[in-house]
N, C-alpha and C. Protein backbone atom coordinates (compact mmCIF):
# COMPACT_ATOMS: atom_id res chain seq x y z
N MET A 1 15.98 63.77 30.43
CA MET A 1 17.02 63.08 30.77
C MET A 1 16.49 62.61 32.19
N HIS A 2 17.25 61.67 32.96
CA HIS A 2 16.55 60.88 34.22
C HIS A 2 17.69 61.75 34.74
N ASP A 3 17.80 62.12 36.01
CA ASP A 3 18.58 62.48 36.97
C ASP A 3 18.72 61.75 38.15
N ARG A 4 19.88 61.09 38.41
CA ARG A 4 20.41 60.08 39.10
C ARG A 4 20.66 60.49 40.48
N THR A 5 20.50 59.78 41.28
CA THR A 5 20.87 60.00 42.67
C THR A 5 21.93 59.58 43.17
N MET A 6 22.60 60.09 44.30
CA MET A 6 23.74 59.61 44.82
C MET A 6 23.59 58.07 45.23
N ALA A 7 22.45 57.78 45.72
CA ALA A 7 21.90 56.18 46.00
C ALA A 7 22.45 55.73 44.63
N GLU A 8 21.88 55.76 43.71
CA GLU A 8 22.00 55.29 42.39
C GLU A 8 23.13 54.73 41.83
N ILE A 9 24.35 55.80 42.02
CA ILE A 9 25.55 55.69 41.64
C ILE A 9 26.34 54.80 42.51
N ILE A 10 26.17 54.97 43.69
CA ILE A 10 27.01 54.30 44.60
C ILE A 10 26.64 52.82 44.87
N ARG A 11 25.49 52.50 44.37
CA ARG A 11 24.72 51.34 45.09
C ARG A 11 25.33 50.10 45.02
N ASP A 12 26.46 49.67 44.48
CA ASP A 12 27.03 48.43 44.37
C ASP A 12 28.54 48.68 45.18
N GLN A 13 29.20 49.91 45.48
CA GLN A 13 30.28 50.20 46.12
C GLN A 13 30.79 49.89 47.68
N ARG A 14 31.67 49.63 47.26
CA ARG A 14 32.54 48.99 48.59
C ARG A 14 33.71 50.37 48.68
N PRO A 15 33.21 51.80 49.93
CA PRO A 15 34.18 52.63 49.73
C PRO A 15 35.54 52.09 50.77
N LEU A 16 36.43 52.52 50.37
CA LEU A 16 37.81 52.55 51.44
C LEU A 16 37.59 53.47 52.52
N ALA A 17 37.77 52.73 53.36
CA ALA A 17 37.66 53.33 54.72
C ALA A 17 38.56 52.51 55.67
N LEU A 18 39.21 53.79 56.47
CA LEU A 18 40.29 53.44 57.30
C LEU A 18 39.69 54.35 59.08
N GLY A 19 40.72 53.49 59.90
CA GLY A 19 39.95 54.33 61.18
C GLY A 19 40.93 55.78 61.43
N PRO A 20 40.85 56.71 62.46
CA PRO A 20 41.62 57.46 62.29
C PRO A 20 43.41 57.00 62.71
N GLU A 21 43.05 55.82 63.71
CA GLU A 21 44.51 55.33 63.81
C GLU A 21 45.23 54.98 63.00
N ALA A 22 44.85 54.65 61.67
CA ALA A 22 45.55 54.03 60.34
C ALA A 22 46.77 55.27 60.21
N THR A 23 47.84 54.43 59.58
CA THR A 23 48.88 55.34 59.42
C THR A 23 49.02 56.26 57.96
N VAL A 24 49.54 57.13 57.36
CA VAL A 24 49.89 57.79 56.44
C VAL A 24 50.12 56.66 55.33
N ALA A 25 50.94 55.86 56.12
CA ALA A 25 51.50 54.95 54.73
C ALA A 25 50.64 53.59 54.44
N GLU A 26 49.87 53.26 55.50
CA GLU A 26 48.84 52.74 55.23
C GLU A 26 47.68 52.72 54.35
N ALA A 27 47.30 53.85 54.50
CA ALA A 27 46.32 54.71 53.31
C ALA A 27 47.18 54.60 52.04
N CYS A 28 48.21 55.49 51.94
CA CYS A 28 48.63 55.26 50.68
C CYS A 28 48.59 54.05 50.03
N ALA A 29 49.36 53.03 50.98
CA ALA A 29 49.32 51.60 49.87
C ALA A 29 47.80 51.28 49.45
N ALA A 30 46.76 51.10 50.52
CA ALA A 30 45.36 50.99 50.70
C ALA A 30 45.21 51.53 49.02
N MET A 31 45.15 52.78 48.83
CA MET A 31 44.81 53.81 47.46
C MET A 31 45.27 53.40 46.37
N HIS A 32 46.70 52.75 46.88
CA HIS A 32 47.30 52.29 45.67
C HIS A 32 47.02 50.98 45.16
N LYS A 33 46.43 50.06 46.08
CA LYS A 33 45.81 49.10 45.67
C LYS A 33 44.84 48.70 45.22
N ARG A 34 43.83 49.69 45.82
CA ARG A 34 42.47 49.84 45.26
C ARG A 34 42.45 51.02 43.89
N ARG A 35 43.36 51.35 43.73
CA ARG A 35 43.47 52.34 42.79
C ARG A 35 42.51 53.61 42.75
N VAL A 36 42.36 53.80 43.92
CA VAL A 36 41.64 55.35 44.27
C VAL A 36 42.26 56.47 44.77
N GLY A 37 41.72 57.54 44.59
CA GLY A 37 42.62 58.73 45.28
C GLY A 37 42.00 59.09 46.72
N ALA A 38 41.20 58.56 47.16
CA ALA A 38 40.94 58.85 48.85
C ALA A 38 40.40 57.96 49.61
N VAL A 39 40.51 57.94 50.89
CA VAL A 39 40.27 56.97 52.25
C VAL A 39 39.27 57.67 53.03
N LEU A 40 37.86 57.28 53.32
CA LEU A 40 37.05 57.75 54.04
C LEU A 40 37.26 57.43 55.37
N VAL A 41 37.81 58.41 56.08
CA VAL A 41 38.33 57.89 57.72
C VAL A 41 37.11 57.91 58.65
N VAL A 42 37.21 57.12 59.00
CA VAL A 42 35.79 56.26 59.97
C VAL A 42 35.91 56.02 61.15
N GLU A 43 35.05 56.44 62.02
CA GLU A 43 35.05 56.16 63.31
C GLU A 43 34.48 54.72 63.49
N ALA A 44 34.95 53.71 64.69
CA ALA A 44 34.23 52.58 65.02
C ALA A 44 32.49 52.59 64.66
N ASP A 45 32.06 53.60 64.84
CA ASP A 45 30.76 53.78 65.39
C ASP A 45 30.22 53.61 63.23
N GLY A 46 30.84 53.87 62.50
CA GLY A 46 30.83 54.45 61.36
C GLY A 46 30.31 55.89 60.79
N ARG A 47 30.99 56.66 61.59
CA ARG A 47 30.28 58.12 61.37
C ARG A 47 31.84 58.48 60.73
N LEU A 48 31.50 59.58 59.94
CA LEU A 48 32.64 59.74 58.98
C LEU A 48 33.60 61.07 59.72
N ALA A 49 34.74 60.74 59.84
CA ALA A 49 35.38 61.32 60.81
C ALA A 49 36.18 62.83 59.77
N GLY A 50 36.41 62.13 58.78
CA GLY A 50 37.36 63.11 58.06
C GLY A 50 37.57 62.17 56.20
N ILE A 51 38.53 62.85 55.69
CA ILE A 51 38.77 62.12 54.23
C ILE A 51 40.31 62.43 54.02
N PHE A 52 41.13 61.60 53.59
CA PHE A 52 42.64 61.80 53.61
C PHE A 52 42.49 61.27 52.26
N THR A 53 42.97 62.56 51.22
CA THR A 53 43.34 62.34 49.50
C THR A 53 44.56 62.20 49.22
N GLY A 54 44.76 62.07 48.08
CA GLY A 54 46.18 62.00 47.34
C GLY A 54 46.77 63.41 47.53
N ARG A 55 45.76 64.77 47.45
CA ARG A 55 46.55 65.89 47.93
C ARG A 55 47.00 66.25 49.13
N ASP A 56 46.23 65.30 50.04
CA ASP A 56 46.62 65.38 51.52
C ASP A 56 48.00 64.66 51.95
N ALA A 57 48.12 63.64 51.09
CA ALA A 57 49.81 62.94 50.95
C ALA A 57 50.83 63.60 50.67
N VAL A 58 50.06 64.26 49.54
CA VAL A 58 51.64 65.23 48.76
C VAL A 58 52.19 66.55 49.87
N ARG A 59 50.53 67.01 50.23
CA ARG A 59 50.93 67.92 51.60
C ARG A 59 51.92 67.73 52.92
N CYS A 60 51.49 66.20 53.04
CA CYS A 60 51.90 65.74 54.27
C CYS A 60 53.46 65.38 53.93
N LEU A 61 54.13 64.84 52.79
CA LEU A 61 55.36 64.83 52.29
C LEU A 61 56.12 66.09 52.28
N ALA A 62 55.42 67.29 51.87
CA ALA A 62 55.90 68.58 51.64
C ALA A 62 56.07 69.13 52.91
N GLU A 63 55.27 68.72 54.21
CA GLU A 63 55.36 69.08 55.12
C GLU A 63 56.41 68.20 56.27
N GLY A 64 56.95 67.14 55.61
CA GLY A 64 57.84 66.22 56.59
C GLY A 64 57.01 65.35 57.26
N CYS A 65 56.16 65.21 57.40
CA CYS A 65 55.36 64.27 57.91
C CYS A 65 55.97 62.81 58.06
N ASP A 66 55.71 61.91 59.11
CA ASP A 66 56.32 60.92 59.23
C ASP A 66 55.29 59.85 58.33
N ALA A 67 55.79 58.80 57.65
CA ALA A 67 54.66 57.62 57.08
C ALA A 67 53.68 57.05 58.22
N GLY A 68 54.57 56.86 59.49
CA GLY A 68 53.48 56.38 60.38
C GLY A 68 52.70 57.65 61.41
N THR A 69 52.63 58.74 60.81
CA THR A 69 51.55 59.62 61.33
C THR A 69 50.07 59.18 61.18
N PRO A 70 49.84 59.36 62.17
CA PRO A 70 48.22 58.76 62.09
C PRO A 70 47.34 59.50 61.12
N LEU A 71 46.37 58.93 60.40
CA LEU A 71 45.50 59.91 59.46
C LEU A 71 44.50 60.74 60.31
N GLY A 72 43.94 60.54 61.19
CA GLY A 72 43.32 61.46 62.42
C GLY A 72 44.46 63.01 62.27
N GLN A 73 45.72 62.64 62.09
CA GLN A 73 46.25 64.00 62.38
C GLN A 73 46.15 64.86 61.13
N VAL A 74 46.25 64.26 60.12
CA VAL A 74 46.76 64.78 58.58
C VAL A 74 45.17 64.58 58.00
N MET A 75 43.79 64.29 58.21
CA MET A 75 43.51 64.51 57.50
C MET A 75 42.46 65.46 57.57
N THR A 76 41.61 65.78 56.25
CA THR A 76 40.86 66.80 56.33
C THR A 76 39.55 66.45 57.03
N ARG A 77 39.86 67.41 57.94
CA ARG A 77 37.79 67.26 58.77
C ARG A 77 36.84 67.72 58.53
N SER A 78 36.04 67.32 58.49
CA SER A 78 34.27 67.80 58.36
C SER A 78 34.21 67.94 56.71
N PRO A 79 34.64 67.04 56.01
CA PRO A 79 34.65 67.50 54.34
C PRO A 79 33.07 67.39 54.32
N VAL A 80 32.98 68.54 53.04
CA VAL A 80 31.84 68.70 52.43
C VAL A 80 31.27 67.02 52.27
N THR A 81 29.47 67.21 52.34
CA THR A 81 29.40 65.57 51.88
C THR A 81 27.90 66.01 51.29
N VAL A 82 27.12 64.88 50.71
CA VAL A 82 25.76 64.37 49.99
C VAL A 82 25.00 63.29 50.39
N ALA A 83 24.05 63.28 50.47
CA ALA A 83 22.83 62.65 51.07
C ALA A 83 22.55 61.85 50.09
N PRO A 84 22.59 60.55 50.29
CA PRO A 84 22.43 59.70 49.04
C PRO A 84 20.89 59.95 48.39
N ASP A 85 19.89 60.91 48.88
CA ASP A 85 19.03 61.25 47.83
C ASP A 85 18.59 62.38 47.23
N GLN A 86 20.35 62.63 47.10
CA GLN A 86 20.71 63.87 46.74
C GLN A 86 20.88 63.56 45.31
N HIS A 87 20.65 64.68 44.26
CA HIS A 87 21.08 64.25 42.51
C HIS A 87 22.32 64.16 42.23
N ALA A 88 22.67 63.45 41.09
CA ALA A 88 23.91 63.77 40.41
C ALA A 88 24.49 65.40 40.10
N MET A 89 23.51 66.04 39.46
CA MET A 89 23.93 67.35 39.03
C MET A 89 24.18 68.29 40.66
N GLN A 90 23.96 67.91 41.69
CA GLN A 90 23.82 68.96 42.83
C GLN A 90 25.19 68.09 43.56
N ALA A 91 25.65 67.14 43.14
CA ALA A 91 26.65 66.58 43.86
C ALA A 91 28.14 67.30 43.00
N LEU A 92 28.09 67.49 41.65
CA LEU A 92 28.43 67.87 40.46
C LEU A 92 28.94 69.40 40.39
N ARG A 93 28.11 70.12 41.44
CA ARG A 93 27.93 71.43 41.13
C ARG A 93 28.60 71.89 42.53
N LEU A 94 28.51 70.84 43.43
CA LEU A 94 29.31 70.83 44.72
C LEU A 94 31.33 70.53 44.78
N LEU A 95 31.17 69.53 43.92
CA LEU A 95 32.59 69.52 43.64
C LEU A 95 33.22 70.26 42.66
N ASP A 96 32.64 70.79 42.03
CA ASP A 96 33.21 71.82 41.40
C ASP A 96 33.16 73.52 41.86
N ASP A 97 32.23 73.76 42.83
CA ASP A 97 32.52 74.96 43.44
C ASP A 97 32.93 75.11 44.58
N CYS A 98 33.44 73.65 44.90
CA CYS A 98 34.09 73.77 46.42
C CYS A 98 35.57 73.29 45.73
N GLY A 99 35.98 73.02 44.92
CA GLY A 99 37.18 72.62 44.10
C GLY A 99 37.51 71.18 44.88
N ILE A 100 36.79 70.45 44.72
CA ILE A 100 37.29 69.08 45.48
C ILE A 100 37.15 68.19 44.25
N ARG A 101 37.64 66.84 44.62
CA ARG A 101 37.49 66.04 43.91
C ARG A 101 37.15 64.60 44.02
N HIS A 102 36.85 64.75 45.57
CA HIS A 102 35.65 63.14 46.09
C HIS A 102 34.92 63.72 47.35
N LEU A 103 33.88 63.43 47.03
CA LEU A 103 32.37 63.53 47.49
C LEU A 103 31.91 62.49 48.37
N PRO A 104 32.16 62.72 49.40
CA PRO A 104 31.92 61.39 50.56
C PRO A 104 29.85 61.43 50.58
N VAL A 105 29.62 60.38 50.58
CA VAL A 105 28.20 60.11 50.63
C VAL A 105 27.59 59.64 52.00
N CYS A 106 26.99 60.28 52.77
CA CYS A 106 26.56 60.32 54.10
C CYS A 106 24.74 60.34 54.49
N ARG A 107 24.48 59.38 55.22
CA ARG A 107 23.45 59.87 55.64
C ARG A 107 23.16 59.69 56.97
N ASP A 108 23.12 61.04 57.59
CA ASP A 108 23.04 61.07 59.27
C ASP A 108 24.58 60.83 60.00
N GLY A 109 25.49 61.08 59.09
CA GLY A 109 26.66 61.45 59.27
C GLY A 109 27.37 59.82 59.18
N GLN A 110 26.71 58.50 58.94
CA GLN A 110 26.97 57.68 58.75
C GLN A 110 27.44 57.37 56.80
N VAL A 111 28.61 56.48 56.64
CA VAL A 111 29.23 56.58 55.52
C VAL A 111 28.34 55.59 54.74
N CYS A 112 28.00 55.92 53.35
CA CYS A 112 27.16 54.96 52.55
C CYS A 112 27.96 54.98 51.03
N GLY A 113 29.40 55.95 51.17
CA GLY A 113 30.10 55.87 49.66
C GLY A 113 30.78 56.74 49.58
N ILE A 114 31.32 57.08 48.44
CA ILE A 114 31.68 58.56 47.84
C ILE A 114 31.87 58.30 46.50
N VAL A 115 31.89 59.58 46.03
CA VAL A 115 31.76 59.71 44.30
C VAL A 115 32.77 60.80 43.94
N SER A 116 33.41 60.75 43.03
CA SER A 116 34.34 62.19 42.14
C SER A 116 34.00 61.80 41.10
N ARG A 117 34.57 62.79 39.80
CA ARG A 117 33.96 63.44 38.83
C ARG A 117 33.63 62.27 38.13
N TYR A 118 34.49 61.14 38.14
CA TYR A 118 34.66 60.31 37.32
C TYR A 118 33.73 59.63 37.10
N ASP A 119 32.61 59.26 38.13
CA ASP A 119 31.38 58.59 38.37
C ASP A 119 30.24 59.05 37.89
N PHE A 120 30.19 60.34 37.22
CA PHE A 120 29.07 61.00 36.62
C PHE A 120 29.39 60.83 35.21
N ARG A 121 28.16 60.69 34.52
CA ARG A 121 27.97 60.32 33.03
C ARG A 121 28.66 61.30 31.78
N ALA A 122 28.98 61.13 30.77
CA ALA A 122 28.99 62.64 30.05
C ALA A 122 27.72 63.54 30.23
N ARG A 123 26.66 63.13 30.01
CA ARG A 123 25.52 63.76 29.64
C ARG A 123 25.63 65.04 30.92
N GLU A 124 26.02 64.29 32.26
CA GLU A 124 25.96 65.20 33.51
C GLU A 124 26.83 66.16 33.33
N HIS A 125 28.27 65.74 32.75
CA HIS A 125 29.33 66.74 32.65
C HIS A 125 28.69 68.06 31.73
N ALA A 126 28.23 67.42 30.36
CA ALA A 126 27.77 68.06 29.19
C ALA A 126 26.83 69.51 30.54
N ARG A 127 25.88 69.05 30.57
CA ARG A 127 24.57 69.65 31.34
C ARG A 127 25.33 70.32 32.49
N LEU A 128 26.39 70.05 33.22
CA LEU A 128 27.52 71.08 33.71
C LEU A 128 27.87 72.24 33.31
N ASP A 129 28.37 71.95 32.17
CA ASP A 129 29.66 72.83 31.40
C ASP A 129 28.50 73.71 30.74
N GLU A 130 27.04 73.37 30.07
CA GLU A 130 26.33 74.31 29.88
C GLU A 130 25.74 75.54 30.48
N GLU A 131 25.57 74.47 32.25
CA GLU A 131 25.16 75.50 32.97
C GLU A 131 26.16 76.81 33.21
N THR A 132 27.30 76.11 33.34
CA THR A 132 28.55 77.13 33.82
C THR A 132 28.37 78.20 33.05
N GLY A 133 28.64 77.70 31.32
CA GLY A 133 28.64 78.64 30.50
C GLY A 133 27.60 79.83 30.28
N PHE A 134 26.46 79.46 30.62
CA PHE A 134 25.16 80.37 31.06
C PHE A 134 25.51 81.02 32.13
N PHE A 135 25.72 80.60 33.25
CA PHE A 135 26.09 81.68 34.14
C PHE A 135 27.19 82.77 34.12
N GLU A 136 28.47 81.98 33.15
CA GLU A 136 29.54 82.98 32.51
C GLU A 136 29.13 84.44 32.06
N ILE A 137 28.43 84.00 31.15
CA ILE A 137 27.29 84.64 30.20
C ILE A 137 26.94 86.39 30.78
N LEU A 138 26.38 85.80 32.35
CA LEU A 138 25.36 86.39 32.96
C LEU A 138 26.55 87.55 33.81
N ARG A 139 27.41 87.25 33.57
CA ARG A 139 28.61 88.02 34.63
C ARG A 139 28.92 89.42 33.52
C-alpha cells in the first residue's frame, strides 16, 4: 500500500485562515459557512500563530467570553504540526496520541494546509487500528 504524504492529501486545499485580530464570532461564522471544525490563526507573514477549533468555541462560551474577543486571546497557541513530507500514518498517530482532531501542515512555520481524521482513507484507519491493537496486546 502506498503511504501518502501530507502534501498529497492537502494538494488542492485552501485552508480556512484568519488573523489573530479576527473575532470569535467571525471565526465561528467562517467555520459554519465552510463546514469545517477549525480555523488556522495566521500572522500577516503566513506563519502559524495558533488554531481555533470548535472545542475552543465551546470553552469560550463556557468561560463567558464575548463574541468580539480576538482569536489571539483564545486560540490554542503552538499547536502540534506536521510537515508536508510526513506520511499519513505519522499524522494519524499524532492525532491519536495527542487526542486532537485537527493537525496543521506547515513548512518552516508557514501554513500549507490542515488535516483531520476525515482526510484519511479507510485503509489508513484500519492500519492504525491494527497497530494500536497490537501494542495493546503487548501491555
